[in-house]
Amino acid sequence: MPAGFEAATRSFVAAERDGGRLHTWIAEDDGVFLGIVSIMLWARPPQPEDLRTAEAYIINMYVPPNNQRRGIGRLLLDECIDSADQLGIRKFLLHSTEEGRRLYQARGFEAKSNWMELPVKP
C-alpha cells in the first residue's frame, strides 16, 4: 500500500459517514462477526418520473467463507434494499464478483453495459 493510504481511507470513511452518505449493516451472532454491507449515497437531480434524489452504490458486501451459504448475505442485502424509502434511494448500483452475481440477480439486479469512464491520472 502507498504511504498514507490507510489514513486517507479512514478520513474518507469518517467524512462520508458523518455527512450521512455512508450507511453500513453488520451481521453478528453473540458478538461474532458474520458479514457486512455498506452503501454510499450519491446525490442525483430529480427526474420527471422519479423525484427521489439518491442513488446507492454498494461498496462493500462481505461474508467470510465460513459463514457463506447460510443466508447471511441475502439478509444483509435485504436490509440494505429495505432502506430505500427511508434514505430516498431510487436505484442501487454495484460491481459484482462472479461468485456474488447469483445473489444480486436473485434480488432483481440486472447487468448493464452502458458504463463509460475516463480515468484522470494523479
PDB file of N, CA and C in Angstrom:
ATOM      1  N   MET A   1       0.837  -1.181   0.000  1.00  0.00           N
ATOM      2  CA  MET A   1       0.000   0.000   0.000  1.00  0.00           C
ATOM      3  C   MET A   1       0.885   1.249   0.000  1.00  0.00           C
ATOM      4  N   PRO A   2       0.460   2.255  -0.732  1.00  0.00           N
ATOM      5  CA  PRO A   2       1.233   3.503  -0.715  1.00  0.00           C
ATOM      6  C   PRO A   2       1.153   4.173   0.657  1.00  0.00           C
ATOM      7  N   ALA A   3       2.197   4.916   0.982  1.00  0.00           N
ATOM      8  CA  ALA A   3       2.222   5.646   2.247  1.00  0.00           C
ATOM      9  C   ALA A   3       1.007   6.562   2.334  1.00  0.00           C
ATOM     10  N   GLY A   4       0.365   6.565   3.469  1.00  0.00           N
ATOM     11  CA  GLY A   4      -0.777   7.440   3.682  1.00  0.00           C
ATOM     12  C   GLY A   4      -2.117   6.865   3.254  1.00  0.00           C
ATOM     13  N   PHE A   5      -2.125   5.690   2.619  1.00  0.00           N
ATOM     14  CA  PHE A   5      -3.379   5.121   2.119  1.00  0.00           C
ATOM     15  C   PHE A   5      -4.367   4.842   3.250  1.00  0.00           C
ATOM     16  N   GLU A   6      -3.893   4.215   4.322  1.00  0.00           N
ATOM     17  CA  GLU A   6      -4.791   3.876   5.425  1.00  0.00           C
ATOM     18  C   GLU A   6      -5.376   5.139   6.055  1.00  0.00           C
ATOM     19  N   ALA A   7      -4.547   6.141   6.284  1.00  0.00           N
ATOM     20  CA  ALA A   7      -5.039   7.391   6.879  1.00  0.00           C
ATOM     21  C   ALA A   7      -6.036   8.082   5.953  1.00  0.00           C
ATOM     22  N   ALA A   8      -5.752   8.090   4.650  1.00  0.00           N
ATOM     23  CA  ALA A   8      -6.669   8.709   3.688  1.00  0.00           C
ATOM     24  C   ALA A   8      -7.994   7.964   3.658  1.00  0.00           C
ATOM     25  N   THR A   9      -7.944   6.631   3.738  1.00  0.00           N
ATOM     26  CA  THR A   9      -9.170   5.832   3.743  1.00  0.00           C
ATOM     27  C   THR A   9      -9.983   6.094   4.996  1.00  0.00           C
ATOM     28  N   ARG A  10      -9.343   6.117   6.151  1.00  0.00           N
ATOM     29  CA  ARG A  10     -10.054   6.400   7.408  1.00  0.00           C
ATOM     30  C   ARG A  10     -10.711   7.783   7.365  1.00  0.00           C
ATOM     31  N   SER A  11      -9.999   8.754   6.860  1.00  0.00           N
ATOM     32  CA  SER A  11     -10.535  10.114   6.753  1.00  0.00           C
ATOM     33  C   SER A  11     -11.742  10.159   5.817  1.00  0.00           C
ATOM     34  N   PHE A  12     -11.634   9.483   4.688  1.00  0.00           N
ATOM     35  CA  PHE A  12     -12.725   9.428   3.722  1.00  0.00           C
ATOM     36  C   PHE A  12     -13.966   8.783   4.336  1.00  0.00           C
ATOM     37  N   VAL A  13     -13.784   7.620   4.978  1.00  0.00           N
ATOM     38  CA  VAL A  13     -14.907   6.900   5.580  1.00  0.00           C
ATOM     39  C   VAL A  13     -15.572   7.755   6.652  1.00  0.00           C
ATOM     40  N   ALA A  14     -14.791   8.397   7.489  1.00  0.00           N
ATOM     41  CA  ALA A  14     -15.361   9.239   8.549  1.00  0.00           C
ATOM     42  C   ALA A  14     -16.154  10.402   7.962  1.00  0.00           C
ATOM     43  N   ALA A  15     -15.622  11.042   6.930  1.00  0.00           N
ATOM     44  CA  ALA A  15     -16.328  12.169   6.310  1.00  0.00           C
ATOM     45  C   ALA A  15     -17.631  11.727   5.652  1.00  0.00           C
ATOM     46  N   GLU A  16     -17.612  10.591   4.968  1.00  0.00           N
ATOM     47  CA  GLU A  16     -18.826  10.091   4.320  1.00  0.00           C
ATOM     48  C   GLU A  16     -19.867   9.671   5.356  1.00  0.00           C
ATOM     49  N   ARG A  17     -19.426   8.996   6.414  1.00  0.00           N
ATOM     50  CA  ARG A  17     -20.332   8.592   7.496  1.00  0.00           C
ATOM     51  C   ARG A  17     -20.930   9.818   8.175  1.00  0.00           C
ATOM     52  N   ASP A  18     -20.076  10.770   8.544  1.00  0.00           N
ATOM     53  CA  ASP A  18     -20.540  11.964   9.243  1.00  0.00           C
ATOM     54  C   ASP A  18     -21.441  12.819   8.366  1.00  0.00           C
ATOM     55  N   GLY A  19     -21.250  12.758   7.054  1.00  0.00           N
ATOM     56  CA  GLY A  19     -22.083  13.501   6.118  1.00  0.00           C
ATOM     57  C   GLY A  19     -23.385  12.779   5.766  1.00  0.00           C
ATOM     58  N   GLY A  20     -23.603  11.597   6.348  1.00  0.00           N
ATOM     59  CA  GLY A  20     -24.830  10.856   6.099  1.00  0.00           C
ATOM     60  C   GLY A  20     -24.868  10.132   4.764  1.00  0.00           C
ATOM     61  N   ARG A  21     -23.710  10.019   4.113  1.00  0.00           N
ATOM     62  CA  ARG A  21     -23.656   9.385   2.793  1.00  0.00           C
ATOM     63  C   ARG A  21     -23.212   7.929   2.847  1.00  0.00           C
ATOM     64  N   LEU A  22     -22.690   7.477   3.961  1.00  0.00           N
ATOM     65  CA  LEU A  22     -22.228   6.096   4.116  1.00  0.00           C
ATOM     66  C   LEU A  22     -23.093   5.410   5.164  1.00  0.00           C
ATOM     67  N   HIS A  23     -23.680   4.283   4.780  1.00  0.00           N
ATOM     68  CA  HIS A  23     -24.523   3.503   5.686  1.00  0.00           C
ATOM     69  C   HIS A  23     -24.038   2.054   5.660  1.00  0.00           C
ATOM     70  N   THR A  24     -23.955   1.447   6.840  1.00  0.00           N
ATOM     71  CA  THR A  24     -23.412   0.103   6.968  1.00  0.00           C
ATOM     72  C   THR A  24     -24.312  -0.754   7.842  1.00  0.00           C
ATOM     73  N   TRP A  25     -24.476  -2.000   7.429  1.00  0.00           N
ATOM     74  CA  TRP A  25     -25.190  -3.006   8.213  1.00  0.00           C
ATOM     75  C   TRP A  25     -24.208  -4.131   8.502  1.00  0.00           C
ATOM     76  N   ILE A  26     -24.177  -4.563   9.761  1.00  0.00           N
ATOM     77  CA  ILE A  26     -23.277  -5.639  10.180  1.00  0.00           C
ATOM     78  C   ILE A  26     -24.119  -6.757  10.784  1.00  0.00           C
ATOM     79  N   ALA A  27     -23.846  -7.974  10.362  1.00  0.00           N
ATOM     80  CA  ALA A  27     -24.498  -9.140  10.946  1.00  0.00           C
ATOM     81  C   ALA A  27     -23.536  -9.759  11.944  1.00  0.00           C
ATOM     82  N   GLU A  28     -24.068 -10.040  13.125  1.00  0.00           N
ATOM     83  CA  GLU A  28     -23.267 -10.718  14.127  1.00  0.00           C
ATOM     84  C   GLU A  28     -24.165 -11.623  14.959  1.00  0.00           C
ATOM     85  N   ASP A  29     -23.548 -12.581  15.576  1.00  0.00           N
ATOM     86  CA  ASP A  29     -24.265 -13.513  16.437  1.00  0.00           C
ATOM     87  C   ASP A  29     -23.489 -13.620  17.742  1.00  0.00           C
ATOM     88  N   ASP A  30     -24.070 -13.105  18.809  1.00  0.00           N
ATOM     89  CA  ASP A  30     -23.438 -13.136  20.119  1.00  0.00           C
ATOM     90  C   ASP A  30     -22.036 -12.524  20.073  1.00  0.00           C
ATOM     91  N   GLY A  31     -21.925 -11.388  19.366  1.00  0.00           N
ATOM     92  CA  GLY A  31     -20.661 -10.668  19.271  1.00  0.00           C
ATOM     93  C   GLY A  31     -19.690 -11.195  18.234  1.00  0.00           C
ATOM     94  N   VAL A  32     -20.074 -12.229  17.489  1.00  0.00           N
ATOM     95  CA  VAL A  32     -19.202 -12.798  16.456  1.00  0.00           C
ATOM     96  C   VAL A  32     -19.607 -12.222  15.103  1.00  0.00           C
ATOM     97  N   PHE A  33     -18.647 -11.640  14.393  1.00  0.00           N
ATOM     98  CA  PHE A  33     -18.882 -11.046  13.081  1.00  0.00           C
ATOM     99  C   PHE A  33     -19.279 -12.111  12.069  1.00  0.00           C
ATOM    100  N   LEU A  34     -20.414 -11.856  11.347  1.00  0.00           N
ATOM    101  CA  LEU A  34     -20.882 -12.787  10.326  1.00  0.00           C
ATOM    102  C   LEU A  34     -20.849 -12.198   8.919  1.00  0.00           C
ATOM    103  N   GLY A  35     -20.932 -10.870   8.807  1.00  0.00           N
ATOM    104  CA  GLY A  35     -20.927 -10.256   7.488  1.00  0.00           C
ATOM    105  C   GLY A  35     -21.217  -8.763   7.560  1.00  0.00           C
ATOM    106  N   ILE A  36     -21.040  -8.086   6.422  1.00  0.00           N
ATOM    107  CA  ILE A  36     -21.200  -6.637   6.354  1.00  0.00           C
ATOM    108  C   ILE A  36     -21.660  -6.222   4.956  1.00  0.00           C
ATOM    109  N   VAL A  37     -22.434  -5.163   4.894  1.00  0.00           N
ATOM    110  CA  VAL A  37     -22.736  -4.497   3.627  1.00  0.00           C
ATOM    111  C   VAL A  37     -22.748  -2.997   3.895  1.00  0.00           C
ATOM    112  N   SER A  38     -22.167  -2.233   2.974  1.00  0.00           N
ATOM    113  CA  SER A  38     -22.141  -0.776   3.084  1.00  0.00           C
ATOM    114  C   SER A  38     -22.573  -0.162   1.765  1.00  0.00           C
ATOM    115  N   ILE A  39     -23.259   0.976   1.867  1.00  0.00           N
ATOM    116  CA  ILE A  39     -23.628   1.737   0.673  1.00  0.00           C
ATOM    117  C   ILE A  39     -23.143   3.170   0.818  1.00  0.00           C
ATOM    118  N   MET A  40     -22.845   3.772  -0.313  1.00  0.00           N
ATOM    119  CA  MET A  40     -22.579   5.204  -0.376  1.00  0.00           C
ATOM    120  C   MET A  40     -23.686   5.832  -1.192  1.00  0.00           C
ATOM    121  N   LEU A  41     -24.230   6.923  -0.677  1.00  0.00           N
ATOM    122  CA  LEU A  41     -25.284   7.634  -1.387  1.00  0.00           C
ATOM    123  C   LEU A  41     -24.669   8.699  -2.282  1.00  0.00           C
ATOM    124  N   TRP A  42     -25.131   8.739  -3.522  1.00  0.00           N
ATOM    125  CA  TRP A  42     -24.721   9.758  -4.480  1.00  0.00           C
ATOM    126  C   TRP A  42     -25.923  10.638  -4.761  1.00  0.00           C
ATOM    127  N   ALA A  43     -25.766  11.935  -4.599  1.00  0.00           N
ATOM    128  CA  ALA A  43     -26.850  12.865  -4.905  1.00  0.00           C
ATOM    129  C   ALA A  43     -27.031  12.941  -6.417  1.00  0.00           C
ATOM    130  N   ARG A  44     -28.280  12.885  -6.830  1.00  0.00           N
ATOM    131  CA  ARG A  44     -28.635  12.987  -8.250  1.00  0.00           C
ATOM    132  C   ARG A  44     -29.824  13.926  -8.374  1.00  0.00           C
ATOM    133  N   PRO A  45     -29.932  14.643  -9.478  1.00  0.00           N
ATOM    134  CA  PRO A  45     -31.085  15.530  -9.633  1.00  0.00           C
ATOM    135  C   PRO A  45     -32.370  14.717  -9.797  1.00  0.00           C
ATOM    136  N   PRO A  46     -33.491  15.294  -9.367  1.00  0.00           N
ATOM    137  CA  PRO A  46     -34.752  14.583  -9.572  1.00  0.00           C
ATOM    138  C   PRO A  46     -35.033  14.421 -11.057  1.00  0.00           C
ATOM    139  N   GLN A  47     -35.825  13.414 -11.368  1.00  0.00           N
ATOM    140  CA  GLN A  47     -36.245  13.179 -12.743  1.00  0.00           C
ATOM    141  C   GLN A  47     -37.759  13.354 -12.804  1.00  0.00           C
ATOM    142  N   PRO A  48     -38.298  13.706 -13.964  1.00  0.00           N
ATOM    143  CA  PRO A  48     -39.751  13.910 -14.043  1.00  0.00           C
ATOM    144  C   PRO A  48     -40.548  12.698 -13.563  1.00  0.00           C
ATOM    145  N   GLU A  49     -40.034  11.493 -13.812  1.00  0.00           N
ATOM    146  CA  GLU A  49     -40.755  10.281 -13.416  1.00  0.00           C
ATOM    147  C   GLU A  49     -40.381   9.771 -12.028  1.00  0.00           C
ATOM    148  N   ASP A  50     -39.381  10.382 -11.378  1.00  0.00           N
ATOM    149  CA  ASP A  50     -38.937   9.922 -10.068  1.00  0.00           C
ATOM    150  C   ASP A  50     -38.245  11.068  -9.344  1.00  0.00           C
ATOM    151  N   LEU A  51     -38.873  11.594  -8.324  1.00  0.00           N
ATOM    152  CA  LEU A  51     -38.359  12.766  -7.632  1.00  0.00           C
ATOM    153  C   LEU A  51     -37.309  12.442  -6.566  1.00  0.00           C
ATOM    154  N   ARG A  52     -37.077  11.160  -6.297  1.00  0.00           N
ATOM    155  CA  ARG A  52     -36.049  10.813  -5.310  1.00  0.00           C
ATOM    156  C   ARG A  52     -34.677  11.239  -5.837  1.00  0.00           C
ATOM    157  N   THR A  53     -33.801  11.646  -4.932  1.00  0.00           N
ATOM    158  CA  THR A  53     -32.544  12.249  -5.360  1.00  0.00           C
ATOM    159  C   THR A  53     -31.294  11.508  -4.886  1.00  0.00           C
ATOM    160  N   ALA A  54     -31.409  10.218  -4.638  1.00  0.00           N
ATOM    161  CA  ALA A  54     -30.219   9.458  -4.217  1.00  0.00           C
ATOM    162  C   ALA A  54     -30.112   8.169  -5.013  1.00  0.00           C
ATOM    163  N   GLU A  55     -28.886   7.848  -5.380  1.00  0.00           N
ATOM    164  CA  GLU A  55     -28.547   6.527  -5.885  1.00  0.00           C
ATOM    165  C   GLU A  55     -27.567   5.942  -4.884  1.00  0.00           C
ATOM    166  N   ALA A  56     -27.674   4.645  -4.654  1.00  0.00           N
ATOM    167  CA  ALA A  56     -26.827   3.989  -3.660  1.00  0.00           C
ATOM    168  C   ALA A  56     -25.879   3.027  -4.359  1.00  0.00           C
ATOM    169  N   TYR A  57     -24.610   3.209  -4.086  1.00  0.00           N
ATOM    170  CA  TYR A  57     -23.588   2.324  -4.624  1.00  0.00           C
ATOM    171  C   TYR A  57     -23.155   1.372  -3.517  1.00  0.00           C
ATOM    172  N   ILE A  58     -23.365   0.093  -3.722  1.00  0.00           N
ATOM    173  CA  ILE A  58     -22.964  -0.905  -2.732  1.00  0.00           C
ATOM    174  C   ILE A  58     -21.452  -1.084  -2.863  1.00  0.00           C
ATOM    175  N   ILE A  59     -20.727  -0.596  -1.860  1.00  0.00           N
ATOM    176  CA  ILE A  59     -19.263  -0.590  -1.945  1.00  0.00           C
ATOM    177  C   ILE A  59     -18.622  -1.756  -1.215  1.00  0.00           C
ATOM    178  N   ASN A  60     -19.362  -2.392  -0.325  1.00  0.00           N
ATOM    179  CA  ASN A  60     -18.738  -3.420   0.488  1.00  0.00           C
ATOM    180  C   ASN A  60     -19.792  -4.438   0.890  1.00  0.00           C
ATOM    181  N   MET A  61     -19.697  -5.623   0.347  1.00  0.00           N
ATOM    182  CA  MET A  61     -20.569  -6.731   0.738  1.00  0.00           C
ATOM    183  C   MET A  61     -19.644  -7.893   0.991  1.00  0.00           C
ATOM    184  N   TYR A  62     -19.562  -8.327   2.244  1.00  0.00           N
ATOM    185  CA  TYR A  62     -18.616  -9.389   2.567  1.00  0.00           C
ATOM    186  C   TYR A  62     -19.191 -10.307   3.642  1.00  0.00           C
ATOM    187  N   VAL A  63     -19.130 -11.582   3.377  1.00  0.00           N
ATOM    188  CA  VAL A  63     -19.440 -12.621   4.349  1.00  0.00           C
ATOM    189  C   VAL A  63     -18.248 -13.570   4.331  1.00  0.00           C
ATOM    190  N   PRO A  64     -17.602 -13.779   5.473  1.00  0.00           N
ATOM    191  CA  PRO A  64     -16.442 -14.676   5.496  1.00  0.00           C
ATOM    192  C   PRO A  64     -16.812 -16.072   4.975  1.00  0.00           C
ATOM    193  N   PRO A  65     -15.864 -16.740   4.329  1.00  0.00           N
ATOM    194  CA  PRO A  65     -16.138 -18.051   3.728  1.00  0.00           C
ATOM    195  C   PRO A  65     -16.819 -19.041   4.682  1.00  0.00           C
ATOM    196  N   ASN A  66     -16.452 -19.035   5.954  1.00  0.00           N
ATOM    197  CA  ASN A  66     -17.052 -19.992   6.887  1.00  0.00           C
ATOM    198  C   ASN A  66     -18.510 -19.665   7.220  1.00  0.00           C
ATOM    199  N   ASN A  67     -18.984 -18.488   6.818  1.00  0.00           N
ATOM    200  CA  ASN A  67     -20.384 -18.111   7.055  1.00  0.00           C
ATOM    201  C   ASN A  67     -21.207 -18.049   5.768  1.00  0.00           C
ATOM    202  N   GLN A  68     -20.588 -18.315   4.634  1.00  0.00           N
ATOM    203  CA  GLN A  68     -21.314 -18.264   3.367  1.00  0.00           C
ATOM    204  C   GLN A  68     -22.265 -19.443   3.233  1.00  0.00           C
ATOM    205  N   ARG A  69     -23.267 -19.256   2.372  1.00  0.00           N
ATOM    206  CA  ARG A  69     -24.291 -20.272   2.088  1.00  0.00           C
ATOM    207  C   ARG A  69     -25.185 -20.556   3.297  1.00  0.00           C
ATOM    208  N   ARG A  70     -25.314 -19.534   4.163  1.00  0.00           N
ATOM    209  CA  ARG A  70     -26.194 -19.641   5.329  1.00  0.00           C
ATOM    210  C   ARG A  70     -27.305 -18.596   5.286  1.00  0.00           C
ATOM    211  N   GLY A  71     -27.374 -17.813   4.186  1.00  0.00           N
ATOM    212  CA  GLY A  71     -28.409 -16.795   4.050  1.00  0.00           C
ATOM    213  C   GLY A  71     -28.045 -15.449   4.643  1.00  0.00           C
ATOM    214  N   ILE A  72     -26.836 -15.307   5.158  1.00  0.00           N
ATOM    215  CA  ILE A  72     -26.417 -14.061   5.803  1.00  0.00           C
ATOM    216  C   ILE A  72     -26.301 -12.936   4.783  1.00  0.00           C
ATOM    217  N   GLY A  73     -25.677 -13.210   3.643  1.00  0.00           N
ATOM    218  CA  GLY A  73     -25.562 -12.201   2.594  1.00  0.00           C
ATOM    219  C   GLY A  73     -26.928 -11.743   2.112  1.00  0.00           C
ATOM    220  N   ARG A  74     -27.846 -12.670   1.942  1.00  0.00           N
ATOM    221  CA  ARG A  74     -29.207 -12.338   1.497  1.00  0.00           C
ATOM    222  C   ARG A  74     -29.900 -11.439   2.518  1.00  0.00           C
ATOM    223  N   LEU A  75     -29.771 -11.765   3.810  1.00  0.00           N
ATOM    224  CA  LEU A  75     -30.389 -10.950   4.856  1.00  0.00           C
ATOM    225  C   LEU A  75     -29.789  -9.540   4.889  1.00  0.00           C
ATOM    226  N   LEU A  76     -28.459  -9.446   4.772  1.00  0.00           N
ATOM    227  CA  LEU A  76     -27.810  -8.142   4.752  1.00  0.00           C
ATOM    228  C   LEU A  76     -28.268  -7.322   3.547  1.00  0.00           C
ATOM    229  N   LEU A  77     -28.299  -7.956   2.380  1.00  0.00           N
ATOM    230  CA  LEU A  77     -28.718  -7.259   1.169  1.00  0.00           C
ATOM    231  C   LEU A  77     -30.169  -6.812   1.280  1.00  0.00           C
ATOM    232  N   ASP A  78     -31.029  -7.643   1.840  1.00  0.00           N
ATOM    233  CA  ASP A  78     -32.427  -7.264   2.019  1.00  0.00           C
ATOM    234  C   ASP A  78     -32.563  -6.061   2.947  1.00  0.00           C
ATOM    235  N   GLU A  79     -31.805  -6.032   4.039  1.00  0.00           N
ATOM    236  CA  GLU A  79     -31.841  -4.880   4.954  1.00  0.00           C
ATOM    237  C   GLU A  79     -31.411  -3.612   4.226  1.00  0.00           C
ATOM    238  N   CYS A  80     -30.363  -3.733   3.453  1.00  0.00           N
ATOM    239  CA  CYS A  80     -29.854  -2.610   2.674  1.00  0.00           C
ATOM    240  C   CYS A  80     -30.924  -2.110   1.701  1.00  0.00           C
ATOM    241  N   ILE A  81     -31.512  -2.998   0.934  1.00  0.00           N
ATOM    242  CA  ILE A  81     -32.537  -2.625  -0.045  1.00  0.00           C
ATOM    243  C   ILE A  81     -33.768  -2.054   0.646  1.00  0.00           C
ATOM    244  N   ASP A  82     -34.112  -2.599   1.813  1.00  0.00           N
ATOM    245  CA  ASP A  82     -35.277  -2.107   2.552  1.00  0.00           C
ATOM    246  C   ASP A  82     -35.097  -0.672   3.049  1.00  0.00           C
ATOM    247  N   SER A  83     -33.882  -0.153   3.025  1.00  0.00           N
ATOM    248  CA  SER A  83     -33.628   1.225   3.470  1.00  0.00           C
ATOM    249  C   SER A  83     -33.972   2.251   2.396  1.00  0.00           C
ATOM    250  N   ALA A  84     -34.341   1.806   1.203  1.00  0.00           N
ATOM    251  CA  ALA A  84     -34.538   2.712   0.068  1.00  0.00           C
ATOM    252  C   ALA A  84     -35.534   3.829   0.370  1.00  0.00           C
ATOM    253  N   ASP A  85     -36.690   3.500   0.901  1.00  0.00           N
ATOM    254  CA  ASP A  85     -37.689   4.536   1.173  1.00  0.00           C
ATOM    255  C   ASP A  85     -37.183   5.537   2.206  1.00  0.00           C
ATOM    256  N   GLN A  86     -36.621   5.043   3.287  1.00  0.00           N
ATOM    257  CA  GLN A  86     -36.139   5.908   4.357  1.00  0.00           C
ATOM    258  C   GLN A  86     -35.028   6.841   3.879  1.00  0.00           C
ATOM    259  N   LEU A  87     -34.138   6.334   3.010  1.00  0.00           N
ATOM    260  CA  LEU A  87     -32.987   7.126   2.565  1.00  0.00           C
ATOM    261  C   LEU A  87     -33.230   7.840   1.234  1.00  0.00           C
ATOM    262  N   GLY A  88     -34.403   7.678   0.647  1.00  0.00           N
ATOM    263  CA  GLY A  88     -34.725   8.360  -0.608  1.00  0.00           C
ATOM    264  C   GLY A  88     -33.979   7.819  -1.810  1.00  0.00           C
ATOM    265  N   ILE A  89     -33.713   6.513  -1.796  1.00  0.00           N
ATOM    266  CA  ILE A  89     -32.927   5.886  -2.860  1.00  0.00           C
ATOM    267  C   ILE A  89     -33.838   5.470  -4.006  1.00  0.00           C
ATOM    268  N   ARG A  90     -33.442   5.834  -5.228  1.00  0.00           N
ATOM    269  CA  ARG A  90     -34.212   5.415  -6.405  1.00  0.00           C
ATOM    270  C   ARG A  90     -33.538   4.281  -7.165  1.00  0.00           C
ATOM    271  N   LYS A  91     -32.259   4.034  -6.892  1.00  0.00           N
ATOM    272  CA  LYS A  91     -31.538   2.989  -7.622  1.00  0.00           C
ATOM    273  C   LYS A  91     -30.343   2.522  -6.793  1.00  0.00           C
ATOM    274  N   PHE A  92     -30.071   1.206  -6.859  1.00  0.00           N
ATOM    275  CA  PHE A  92     -28.865   0.620  -6.275  1.00  0.00           C
ATOM    276  C   PHE A  92     -27.945   0.202  -7.412  1.00  0.00           C
ATOM    277  N   LEU A  93     -26.652   0.426  -7.232  1.00  0.00           N
ATOM    278  CA  LEU A  93     -25.645   0.033  -8.213  1.00  0.00           C
ATOM    279  C   LEU A  93     -24.540  -0.730  -7.492  1.00  0.00           C
ATOM    280  N   LEU A  94     -23.836  -1.573  -8.226  1.00  0.00           N
ATOM    281  CA  LEU A  94     -22.700  -2.280  -7.648  1.00  0.00           C
ATOM    282  C   LEU A  94     -21.860  -2.893  -8.746  1.00  0.00           C
ATOM    283  N   HIS A  95     -20.666  -3.255  -8.385  1.00  0.00           N
ATOM    284  CA  HIS A  95     -19.805  -4.093  -9.216  1.00  0.00           C
ATOM    285  C   HIS A  95     -19.741  -5.433  -8.498  1.00  0.00           C
ATOM    286  N   SER A  96     -20.029  -6.515  -9.197  1.00  0.00           N
ATOM    287  CA  SER A  96     -20.123  -7.822  -8.569  1.00  0.00           C
ATOM    288  C   SER A  96     -18.965  -8.724  -8.957  1.00  0.00           C
ATOM    289  N   THR A  97     -18.596  -9.570  -8.011  1.00  0.00           N
ATOM    290  CA  THR A  97     -17.700 -10.667  -8.343  1.00  0.00           C
ATOM    291  C   THR A  97     -18.544 -11.742  -9.012  1.00  0.00           C
ATOM    292  N   GLU A  98     -17.899 -12.668  -9.672  1.00  0.00           N
ATOM    293  CA  GLU A  98     -18.631 -13.773 -10.292  1.00  0.00           C
ATOM    294  C   GLU A  98     -19.401 -14.572  -9.248  1.00  0.00           C
ATOM    295  N   GLU A  99     -18.783 -14.795  -8.102  1.00  0.00           N
ATOM    296  CA  GLU A  99     -19.446 -15.601  -7.075  1.00  0.00           C
ATOM    297  C   GLU A  99     -20.632 -14.885  -6.436  1.00  0.00           C
ATOM    298  N   GLY A 100     -20.652 -13.559  -6.462  1.00  0.00           N
ATOM    299  CA  GLY A 100     -21.765 -12.818  -5.877  1.00  0.00           C
ATOM    300  C   GLY A 100     -22.904 -12.546  -6.833  1.00  0.00           C
ATOM    301  N   ARG A 101     -22.651 -12.708  -8.115  1.00  0.00           N
ATOM    302  CA  ARG A 101     -23.640 -12.352  -9.145  1.00  0.00           C
ATOM    303  C   ARG A 101     -24.995 -13.041  -8.951  1.00  0.00           C
ATOM    304  N   ARG A 102     -24.993 -14.298  -8.593  1.00  0.00           N
ATOM    305  CA  ARG A 102     -26.249 -15.038  -8.436  1.00  0.00           C
ATOM    306  C   ARG A 102     -27.132 -14.430  -7.340  1.00  0.00           C
ATOM    307  N   LEU A 103     -26.522 -14.033  -6.221  1.00  0.00           N
ATOM    308  CA  LEU A 103     -27.270 -13.406  -5.137  1.00  0.00           C
ATOM    309  C   LEU A 103     -27.935 -12.124  -5.617  1.00  0.00           C
ATOM    310  N   TYR A 104     -27.181 -11.279  -6.301  1.00  0.00           N
ATOM    311  CA  TYR A 104     -27.728  -9.997  -6.750  1.00  0.00           C
ATOM    312  C   TYR A 104     -28.819 -10.193  -7.798  1.00  0.00           C
ATOM    313  N   GLN A 105     -28.600 -11.097  -8.723  1.00  0.00           N
ATOM    314  CA  GLN A 105     -29.624 -11.357  -9.738  1.00  0.00           C
ATOM    315  C   GLN A 105     -30.905 -11.901  -9.110  1.00  0.00           C
ATOM    316  N   ALA A 106     -30.779 -12.720  -8.082  1.00  0.00           N
ATOM    317  CA  ALA A 106     -31.954 -13.258  -7.397  1.00  0.00           C
ATOM    318  C   ALA A 106     -32.755 -12.148  -6.724  1.00  0.00           C
ATOM    319  N   ARG A 107     -32.111 -11.026  -6.416  1.00  0.00           N
ATOM    320  CA  ARG A 107     -32.783  -9.889  -5.789  1.00  0.00           C
ATOM    321  C   ARG A 107     -33.214  -8.837  -6.815  1.00  0.00           C
ATOM    322  N   GLY A 108     -33.037  -9.155  -8.118  1.00  0.00           N
ATOM    323  CA  GLY A 108     -33.545  -8.273  -9.164  1.00  0.00           C
ATOM    324  C   GLY A 108     -32.525  -7.366  -9.822  1.00  0.00           C
ATOM    325  N   PHE A 109     -31.268  -7.441  -9.423  1.00  0.00           N
ATOM    326  CA  PHE A 109     -30.234  -6.638 -10.082  1.00  0.00           C
ATOM    327  C   PHE A 109     -30.050  -7.148 -11.508  1.00  0.00           C
ATOM    328  N   GLU A 110     -29.816  -6.225 -12.434  1.00  0.00           N
ATOM    329  CA  GLU A 110     -29.591  -6.563 -13.834  1.00  0.00           C
ATOM    330  C   GLU A 110     -28.234  -6.053 -14.278  1.00  0.00           C
ATOM    331  N   ALA A 111     -27.554  -6.837 -15.094  1.00  0.00           N
ATOM    332  CA  ALA A 111     -26.270  -6.414 -15.647  1.00  0.00           C
ATOM    333  C   ALA A 111     -26.513  -5.352 -16.712  1.00  0.00           C
ATOM    334  N   LYS A 112     -25.733  -4.283 -16.666  1.00  0.00           N
ATOM    335  CA  LYS A 112     -25.829  -3.192 -17.643  1.00  0.00           C
ATOM    336  C   LYS A 112     -24.460  -3.009 -18.294  1.00  0.00           C
ATOM    337  N   SER A 113     -24.479  -2.580 -19.523  1.00  0.00           N
ATOM    338  CA  SER A 113     -23.198  -2.402 -20.208  1.00  0.00           C
ATOM    339  C   SER A 113     -23.032  -1.002 -20.777  1.00  0.00           C
ATOM    340  N   ASN A 114     -23.776  -0.042 -20.258  1.00  0.00           N
ATOM    341  CA  ASN A 114     -23.698   1.311 -20.822  1.00  0.00           C
ATOM    342  C   ASN A 114     -22.844   2.241 -19.960  1.00  0.00           C
ATOM    343  N   TRP A 115     -21.859   1.718 -19.297  1.00  0.00           N
ATOM    344  CA  TRP A 115     -20.994   2.493 -18.428  1.00  0.00           C
ATOM    345  C   TRP A 115     -19.722   2.842 -19.181  1.00  0.00           C
ATOM    346  N   MET A 116     -19.351   4.101 -19.175  1.00  0.00           N
ATOM    347  CA  MET A 116     -18.086   4.526 -19.736  1.00  0.00           C
ATOM    348  C   MET A 116     -17.367   5.308 -18.659  1.00  0.00           C
ATOM    349  N   GLU A 117     -16.057   5.298 -18.696  1.00  0.00           N
ATOM    350  CA  GLU A 117     -15.325   6.079 -17.710  1.00  0.00           C
ATOM    351  C   GLU A 117     -14.057   6.650 -18.316  1.00  0.00           C
ATOM    352  N   LEU A 118     -13.593   7.705 -17.694  1.00  0.00           N
ATOM    353  CA  LEU A 118     -12.363   8.370 -18.093  1.00  0.00           C
ATOM    354  C   LEU A 118     -11.487   8.522 -16.863  1.00  0.00           C
ATOM    355  N   PRO A 119     -10.477   7.658 -16.713  1.00  0.00           N
ATOM    356  CA  PRO A 119      -9.579   7.813 -15.565  1.00  0.00           C
ATOM    357  C   PRO A 119      -8.767   9.089 -15.702  1.00  0.00           C
ATOM    358  N   VAL A 120      -8.601   9.789 -14.587  1.00  0.00           N
ATOM    359  CA  VAL A 120      -7.786  11.000 -14.541  1.00  0.00           C
ATOM    360  C   VAL A 120      -6.517  10.649 -13.779  1.00  0.00           C
ATOM    361  N   LYS A 121      -5.381  10.838 -14.393  1.00  0.00           N
ATOM    362  CA  LYS A 121      -4.113  10.460 -13.774  1.00  0.00           C
ATOM    363  C   LYS A 121      -3.827  11.363 -12.581  1.00  0.00           C
ATOM    364  N   PRO A 122      -3.285  10.756 -11.496  1.00  0.00           N
ATOM    365  CA  PRO A 122      -2.962  11.549 -10.294  1.00  0.00           C
ATOM    366  C   PRO A 122      -1.818  12.515 -10.547  1.00  0.00           C
TER     367      PRO A 122
END
